[in-house]
N, C-alpha and C. Protein backbone atom coordinates (compact mmCIF):
# COMPACT_ATOMS: atom_id res chain seq x y z
N MET A 1 27.37 -13.97 11.29
CA MET A 1 27.21 -15.34 11.70
C MET A 1 26.04 -15.94 10.91
N PRO A 2 26.26 -17.03 10.20
CA PRO A 2 25.19 -17.64 9.40
C PRO A 2 24.14 -18.29 10.29
N LEU A 3 22.95 -18.44 9.73
CA LEU A 3 21.85 -19.08 10.44
C LEU A 3 22.04 -20.60 10.45
N SER A 4 21.59 -21.21 11.52
CA SER A 4 21.62 -22.67 11.57
C SER A 4 20.51 -23.20 10.65
N GLU A 5 20.53 -24.51 10.41
CA GLU A 5 19.53 -25.09 9.53
C GLU A 5 18.12 -24.93 10.12
N GLN A 6 18.01 -25.10 11.43
CA GLN A 6 16.70 -24.97 12.07
C GLN A 6 16.21 -23.52 11.98
N GLU A 7 17.09 -22.56 12.19
CA GLU A 7 16.70 -21.16 12.09
C GLU A 7 16.30 -20.81 10.65
N GLN A 8 17.04 -21.36 9.70
CA GLN A 8 16.70 -21.11 8.29
C GLN A 8 15.34 -21.69 7.94
N ARG A 9 15.04 -22.89 8.44
CA ARG A 9 13.74 -23.51 8.19
C ARG A 9 12.62 -22.67 8.80
N MET A 10 12.84 -22.20 10.03
CA MET A 10 11.82 -21.37 10.67
C MET A 10 11.61 -20.07 9.90
N LEU A 11 12.69 -19.47 9.42
CA LEU A 11 12.58 -18.24 8.65
C LEU A 11 11.82 -18.49 7.35
N ASP A 12 12.12 -19.59 6.67
CA ASP A 12 11.39 -19.94 5.44
C ASP A 12 9.91 -20.16 5.72
N GLU A 13 9.60 -20.82 6.84
CA GLU A 13 8.20 -21.07 7.19
C GLU A 13 7.48 -19.76 7.49
N MET A 14 8.15 -18.85 8.18
CA MET A 14 7.54 -17.56 8.48
C MET A 14 7.30 -16.77 7.20
N GLU A 15 8.23 -16.83 6.25
CA GLU A 15 8.05 -16.13 4.98
C GLU A 15 6.87 -16.70 4.20
N ARG A 16 6.77 -18.04 4.15
CA ARG A 16 5.65 -18.67 3.46
C ARG A 16 4.33 -18.27 4.10
N HIS A 17 4.29 -18.28 5.42
CA HIS A 17 3.06 -17.90 6.14
C HIS A 17 2.69 -16.46 5.83
N LEU A 18 3.67 -15.57 5.82
CA LEU A 18 3.41 -14.17 5.52
C LEU A 18 2.87 -14.00 4.11
N LEU A 19 3.46 -14.69 3.15
CA LEU A 19 3.00 -14.58 1.77
C LEU A 19 1.61 -15.17 1.59
N GLN A 20 1.28 -16.23 2.32
CA GLN A 20 -0.02 -16.88 2.17
C GLN A 20 -1.13 -16.11 2.86
N HIS A 21 -0.88 -15.63 4.06
CA HIS A 21 -1.96 -15.07 4.87
C HIS A 21 -1.96 -13.55 4.95
N ASP A 22 -0.83 -12.92 4.72
CA ASP A 22 -0.75 -11.47 4.80
C ASP A 22 -0.25 -10.89 3.49
N ALA A 23 -0.77 -11.37 2.39
CA ALA A 23 -0.31 -10.94 1.08
C ALA A 23 -0.59 -9.46 0.84
N ASP A 24 -1.62 -8.90 1.47
CA ASP A 24 -1.91 -7.49 1.27
C ASP A 24 -0.81 -6.60 1.82
N VAL A 25 -0.05 -7.09 2.79
CA VAL A 25 1.06 -6.33 3.33
C VAL A 25 2.25 -6.40 2.39
N VAL A 26 2.41 -7.52 1.71
CA VAL A 26 3.59 -7.77 0.90
C VAL A 26 3.43 -7.22 -0.52
N THR A 27 2.25 -7.30 -1.11
CA THR A 27 2.07 -6.94 -2.51
C THR A 27 1.17 -5.73 -2.66
N ALA A 28 1.07 -5.26 -3.88
CA ALA A 28 0.19 -4.15 -4.22
C ALA A 28 -1.26 -4.63 -4.19
N PRO A 29 -2.21 -3.71 -4.22
CA PRO A 29 -3.61 -4.14 -4.20
C PRO A 29 -3.91 -5.11 -5.34
N SER A 30 -4.67 -6.13 -5.02
CA SER A 30 -5.04 -7.12 -6.03
C SER A 30 -6.50 -7.46 -5.85
N GLY A 31 -6.96 -8.45 -6.58
CA GLY A 31 -8.35 -8.83 -6.49
C GLY A 31 -9.20 -7.96 -7.37
N ASP A 32 -10.26 -7.40 -6.82
CA ASP A 32 -11.15 -6.59 -7.65
C ASP A 32 -10.78 -5.11 -7.60
N ARG A 33 -9.68 -4.75 -6.97
CA ARG A 33 -9.25 -3.35 -6.90
C ARG A 33 -7.83 -3.24 -7.43
N ALA A 34 -7.58 -2.22 -8.28
CA ALA A 34 -6.26 -2.00 -8.84
C ALA A 34 -6.11 -0.53 -9.20
N LEU A 35 -4.87 -0.10 -9.40
CA LEU A 35 -4.62 1.27 -9.81
C LEU A 35 -4.98 1.42 -11.28
N SER A 36 -5.55 2.55 -11.62
CA SER A 36 -5.96 2.83 -12.99
C SER A 36 -4.90 3.70 -13.67
N TYR A 37 -4.49 3.28 -14.86
CA TYR A 37 -3.49 4.04 -15.61
C TYR A 37 -4.02 5.44 -15.93
N ARG A 38 -5.30 5.53 -16.32
CA ARG A 38 -5.89 6.82 -16.64
C ARG A 38 -5.87 7.74 -15.41
N ASN A 39 -6.24 7.20 -14.25
CA ASN A 39 -6.23 8.02 -13.04
C ASN A 39 -4.82 8.44 -12.64
N LEU A 40 -3.83 7.58 -12.91
CA LEU A 40 -2.44 7.96 -12.65
C LEU A 40 -2.04 9.17 -13.50
N ILE A 41 -2.40 9.14 -14.77
CA ILE A 41 -2.06 10.24 -15.67
C ILE A 41 -2.77 11.53 -15.24
N TYR A 42 -4.10 11.44 -15.02
CA TYR A 42 -4.85 12.63 -14.61
C TYR A 42 -4.36 13.16 -13.26
N GLY A 43 -4.05 12.27 -12.35
CA GLY A 43 -3.54 12.69 -11.06
C GLY A 43 -2.20 13.39 -11.17
N ALA A 44 -1.32 12.85 -12.02
CA ALA A 44 -0.01 13.49 -12.22
C ALA A 44 -0.16 14.87 -12.85
N LEU A 45 -1.06 14.99 -13.81
CA LEU A 45 -1.30 16.30 -14.43
C LEU A 45 -1.86 17.30 -13.42
N LEU A 46 -2.79 16.85 -12.60
CA LEU A 46 -3.35 17.74 -11.58
C LEU A 46 -2.29 18.13 -10.55
N LEU A 47 -1.41 17.22 -10.23
CA LEU A 47 -0.31 17.52 -9.32
C LEU A 47 0.62 18.57 -9.92
N LEU A 48 0.92 18.45 -11.22
CA LEU A 48 1.77 19.44 -11.88
C LEU A 48 1.09 20.80 -11.96
N VAL A 49 -0.22 20.83 -12.18
CA VAL A 49 -0.97 22.09 -12.18
C VAL A 49 -0.89 22.73 -10.79
N GLY A 50 -0.98 21.93 -9.76
CA GLY A 50 -0.87 22.45 -8.40
C GLY A 50 0.50 23.03 -8.12
N VAL A 51 1.55 22.36 -8.57
CA VAL A 51 2.91 22.88 -8.39
C VAL A 51 3.05 24.20 -9.14
N GLY A 52 2.52 24.25 -10.37
CA GLY A 52 2.55 25.50 -11.13
C GLY A 52 1.79 26.61 -10.42
N GLY A 53 0.67 26.26 -9.81
CA GLY A 53 -0.10 27.25 -9.07
C GLY A 53 0.66 27.78 -7.86
N LEU A 54 1.39 26.91 -7.17
CA LEU A 54 2.20 27.38 -6.04
C LEU A 54 3.31 28.30 -6.50
N VAL A 55 3.95 27.97 -7.60
CA VAL A 55 5.00 28.83 -8.14
C VAL A 55 4.41 30.17 -8.56
N ALA A 56 3.25 30.14 -9.18
CA ALA A 56 2.58 31.39 -9.59
C ALA A 56 2.19 32.22 -8.37
N ALA A 57 1.75 31.58 -7.30
CA ALA A 57 1.38 32.31 -6.09
C ALA A 57 2.57 33.03 -5.50
N VAL A 58 3.72 32.37 -5.52
CA VAL A 58 4.93 33.00 -4.97
C VAL A 58 5.43 34.09 -5.91
N ALA A 59 5.41 33.84 -7.22
CA ALA A 59 5.95 34.79 -8.19
C ALA A 59 5.10 36.05 -8.30
N THR A 60 3.79 35.93 -8.16
CA THR A 60 2.90 37.09 -8.32
C THR A 60 2.36 37.58 -6.99
N GLY A 61 3.07 37.30 -5.92
CA GLY A 61 2.59 37.69 -4.60
C GLY A 61 2.44 39.18 -4.44
N ASP A 62 3.32 40.00 -5.04
CA ASP A 62 3.22 41.45 -4.89
C ASP A 62 2.09 42.02 -5.73
N ARG A 63 1.76 41.41 -6.87
CA ARG A 63 0.68 41.92 -7.71
C ARG A 63 -0.71 41.51 -7.20
N LEU A 64 -0.81 40.30 -6.65
CA LEU A 64 -2.10 39.83 -6.15
C LEU A 64 -2.40 40.33 -4.74
N GLY A 65 -1.40 40.75 -4.05
CA GLY A 65 -1.58 41.13 -2.66
C GLY A 65 -1.46 39.90 -1.77
N PRO A 66 -1.32 40.08 -0.47
CA PRO A 66 -1.12 38.93 0.41
C PRO A 66 -2.31 37.97 0.45
N VAL A 67 -3.53 38.51 0.42
CA VAL A 67 -4.71 37.65 0.50
C VAL A 67 -4.86 36.84 -0.79
N GLY A 68 -4.69 37.47 -1.94
CA GLY A 68 -4.79 36.77 -3.22
C GLY A 68 -3.73 35.71 -3.37
N SER A 69 -2.52 35.99 -2.90
CA SER A 69 -1.43 35.03 -2.96
C SER A 69 -1.73 33.82 -2.08
N ILE A 70 -2.28 34.06 -0.91
CA ILE A 70 -2.60 32.95 0.00
C ILE A 70 -3.72 32.11 -0.58
N ILE A 71 -4.74 32.75 -1.13
CA ILE A 71 -5.85 31.99 -1.72
C ILE A 71 -5.36 31.13 -2.88
N LEU A 72 -4.54 31.69 -3.76
CA LEU A 72 -4.00 30.93 -4.89
C LEU A 72 -3.13 29.78 -4.39
N GLY A 73 -2.35 30.00 -3.35
CA GLY A 73 -1.51 28.94 -2.79
C GLY A 73 -2.33 27.80 -2.19
N VAL A 74 -3.40 28.15 -1.50
CA VAL A 74 -4.26 27.12 -0.90
C VAL A 74 -4.96 26.31 -1.99
N VAL A 75 -5.46 26.99 -3.03
CA VAL A 75 -6.11 26.28 -4.13
C VAL A 75 -5.11 25.37 -4.83
N ALA A 76 -3.90 25.84 -5.03
CA ALA A 76 -2.87 25.02 -5.68
C ALA A 76 -2.52 23.81 -4.81
N PHE A 77 -2.44 24.01 -3.51
CA PHE A 77 -2.15 22.89 -2.62
C PHE A 77 -3.27 21.86 -2.67
N LEU A 78 -4.51 22.30 -2.67
CA LEU A 78 -5.64 21.38 -2.75
C LEU A 78 -5.64 20.63 -4.09
N ALA A 79 -5.22 21.30 -5.16
CA ALA A 79 -5.11 20.62 -6.45
C ALA A 79 -4.04 19.53 -6.39
N MET A 80 -2.92 19.82 -5.75
CA MET A 80 -1.87 18.82 -5.60
C MET A 80 -2.35 17.64 -4.76
N LEU A 81 -3.03 17.91 -3.69
CA LEU A 81 -3.55 16.86 -2.82
C LEU A 81 -4.57 16.00 -3.57
N GLY A 82 -5.46 16.65 -4.30
CA GLY A 82 -6.45 15.91 -5.09
C GLY A 82 -5.81 15.07 -6.17
N GLY A 83 -4.76 15.59 -6.80
CA GLY A 83 -4.05 14.83 -7.83
C GLY A 83 -3.38 13.60 -7.25
N ALA A 84 -2.76 13.74 -6.08
CA ALA A 84 -2.13 12.58 -5.45
C ALA A 84 -3.17 11.54 -5.05
N MET A 85 -4.29 12.01 -4.52
CA MET A 85 -5.34 11.06 -4.13
C MET A 85 -5.93 10.36 -5.35
N LEU A 86 -6.13 11.10 -6.43
CA LEU A 86 -6.67 10.51 -7.66
C LEU A 86 -5.71 9.48 -8.24
N ALA A 87 -4.43 9.79 -8.20
CA ALA A 87 -3.43 8.89 -8.81
C ALA A 87 -3.27 7.59 -8.03
N PHE A 88 -3.35 7.64 -6.72
CA PHE A 88 -3.01 6.47 -5.92
C PHE A 88 -4.19 5.79 -5.24
N THR A 89 -5.39 6.16 -5.58
CA THR A 89 -6.56 5.48 -5.03
C THR A 89 -6.96 4.35 -5.98
N PRO A 90 -6.98 3.10 -5.49
CA PRO A 90 -7.36 2.00 -6.37
C PRO A 90 -8.84 2.08 -6.74
N VAL A 91 -9.14 1.65 -7.96
CA VAL A 91 -10.52 1.64 -8.42
C VAL A 91 -10.98 0.20 -8.56
N ARG A 92 -12.28 0.00 -8.50
CA ARG A 92 -12.86 -1.34 -8.61
C ARG A 92 -12.87 -1.74 -10.08
N ARG A 93 -12.41 -2.94 -10.35
CA ARG A 93 -12.43 -3.45 -11.72
C ARG A 93 -13.85 -3.81 -12.12
N ALA A 94 -14.11 -3.74 -13.43
CA ALA A 94 -15.46 -4.01 -13.93
C ALA A 94 -15.84 -5.46 -13.72
N SER A 95 -14.97 -6.38 -14.12
CA SER A 95 -15.26 -7.79 -13.92
C SER A 95 -13.96 -8.53 -13.73
N SER A 96 -14.02 -9.55 -12.97
CA SER A 96 -12.84 -10.37 -12.72
C SER A 96 -12.74 -11.42 -13.82
N THR A 97 -11.52 -11.64 -14.32
CA THR A 97 -11.32 -12.61 -15.39
C THR A 97 -11.23 -14.03 -14.85
N GLU A 98 -10.93 -14.17 -13.57
CA GLU A 98 -10.81 -15.49 -12.99
C GLU A 98 -12.14 -15.94 -12.40
N ALA A 99 -12.40 -17.21 -12.55
CA ALA A 99 -13.56 -17.79 -11.89
C ALA A 99 -13.22 -17.97 -10.42
N PRO A 100 -14.21 -17.94 -9.54
CA PRO A 100 -13.91 -18.09 -8.12
C PRO A 100 -13.21 -19.40 -7.78
N ASP A 101 -13.48 -20.46 -8.55
CA ASP A 101 -12.83 -21.74 -8.27
C ASP A 101 -11.41 -21.81 -8.81
N ALA A 102 -10.98 -20.83 -9.61
CA ALA A 102 -9.66 -20.87 -10.21
C ALA A 102 -8.58 -20.28 -9.30
N ARG A 103 -8.98 -19.81 -8.13
CA ARG A 103 -7.99 -19.23 -7.22
C ARG A 103 -7.08 -20.32 -6.69
N PRO A 104 -5.79 -19.98 -6.51
CA PRO A 104 -4.91 -20.98 -5.91
C PRO A 104 -5.30 -21.21 -4.46
N ARG A 105 -5.33 -22.43 -4.10
CA ARG A 105 -5.74 -22.76 -2.73
C ARG A 105 -4.51 -23.16 -1.92
N GLY A 106 -4.35 -22.48 -0.82
CA GLY A 106 -3.26 -22.81 0.08
C GLY A 106 -3.75 -23.80 1.12
N PRO A 107 -2.93 -24.06 2.10
CA PRO A 107 -3.38 -24.94 3.16
C PRO A 107 -4.52 -24.30 3.93
N LYS A 108 -5.39 -25.16 4.47
CA LYS A 108 -6.53 -24.63 5.21
C LYS A 108 -6.04 -23.92 6.47
N PRO A 109 -6.65 -22.78 6.80
CA PRO A 109 -6.22 -22.08 8.00
C PRO A 109 -6.52 -22.92 9.25
N ARG A 110 -5.59 -22.85 10.15
CA ARG A 110 -5.75 -23.59 11.40
C ARG A 110 -6.45 -22.71 12.43
N ASP A 111 -6.87 -23.34 13.51
CA ASP A 111 -7.57 -22.58 14.55
C ASP A 111 -6.63 -21.61 15.25
N THR A 112 -5.35 -21.94 15.30
CA THR A 112 -4.39 -21.07 15.98
C THR A 112 -3.52 -20.38 14.94
N SER A 113 -3.03 -19.22 15.29
CA SER A 113 -2.19 -18.47 14.37
C SER A 113 -0.77 -19.02 14.40
N PHE A 114 0.01 -18.58 13.45
CA PHE A 114 1.39 -19.01 13.34
C PHE A 114 2.18 -18.65 14.60
N MET A 115 1.98 -17.43 15.08
CA MET A 115 2.73 -16.99 16.26
C MET A 115 2.32 -17.77 17.50
N ASP A 116 1.05 -18.15 17.60
CA ASP A 116 0.62 -18.97 18.73
C ASP A 116 1.32 -20.32 18.70
N ARG A 117 1.43 -20.91 17.51
CA ARG A 117 2.14 -22.19 17.40
C ARG A 117 3.61 -22.04 17.76
N MET A 118 4.22 -20.94 17.34
CA MET A 118 5.63 -20.70 17.68
C MET A 118 5.80 -20.53 19.20
N ASN A 119 4.87 -19.81 19.82
CA ASN A 119 4.94 -19.64 21.27
C ASN A 119 4.75 -20.98 21.99
N ASP A 120 3.84 -21.81 21.49
CA ASP A 120 3.67 -23.14 22.09
C ASP A 120 4.93 -23.98 21.97
N ARG A 121 5.57 -23.92 20.81
CA ARG A 121 6.83 -24.66 20.64
C ARG A 121 7.89 -24.17 21.62
N TRP A 122 7.96 -22.86 21.76
CA TRP A 122 8.94 -22.27 22.67
C TRP A 122 8.68 -22.74 24.11
N ASP A 123 7.41 -22.70 24.50
CA ASP A 123 7.06 -23.14 25.85
C ASP A 123 7.41 -24.61 26.07
N ARG A 124 7.14 -25.45 25.07
CA ARG A 124 7.49 -26.87 25.21
C ARG A 124 8.98 -27.07 25.33
N ARG A 125 9.76 -26.31 24.57
CA ARG A 125 11.22 -26.42 24.67
C ARG A 125 11.71 -25.99 26.06
N GLN A 126 11.11 -24.93 26.57
CA GLN A 126 11.53 -24.46 27.88
C GLN A 126 11.15 -25.45 28.98
N ASP A 127 10.00 -26.14 28.81
CA ASP A 127 9.58 -27.14 29.80
C ASP A 127 10.49 -28.36 29.78
N GLU A 128 11.06 -28.68 28.63
CA GLU A 128 11.94 -29.84 28.52
C GLU A 128 13.25 -29.64 29.26
N ARG A 129 13.66 -28.44 29.41
CA ARG A 129 14.97 -28.15 30.07
C ARG A 129 14.95 -28.34 31.53
């Protein structure tokens, strides 16, 4: 069943509000923090070393003994965890290329939130009936 025109307008307004006020939920990190290509590469390499260490721990378990195999497995797992954290942790940029006044300005925030206004509209509609 297609949306009515009023429902479509409300949906468009909610999308605009989400993009304007909750952009961190919708997009990747921006501003003065971003993912580093170098850290992605180093993190991926460290992750691959960790996977290799886990395979080596399983393959050489009889030669290293149970304790040596467990220690190698734990170290390999920590390497994988560190690689993932290194790859996906945003780093602070050195300097911003935009001047503070060059930011796009949206409408001024109101005292009430979007959902509060929607609830007020709903209450008014219910009172009219």
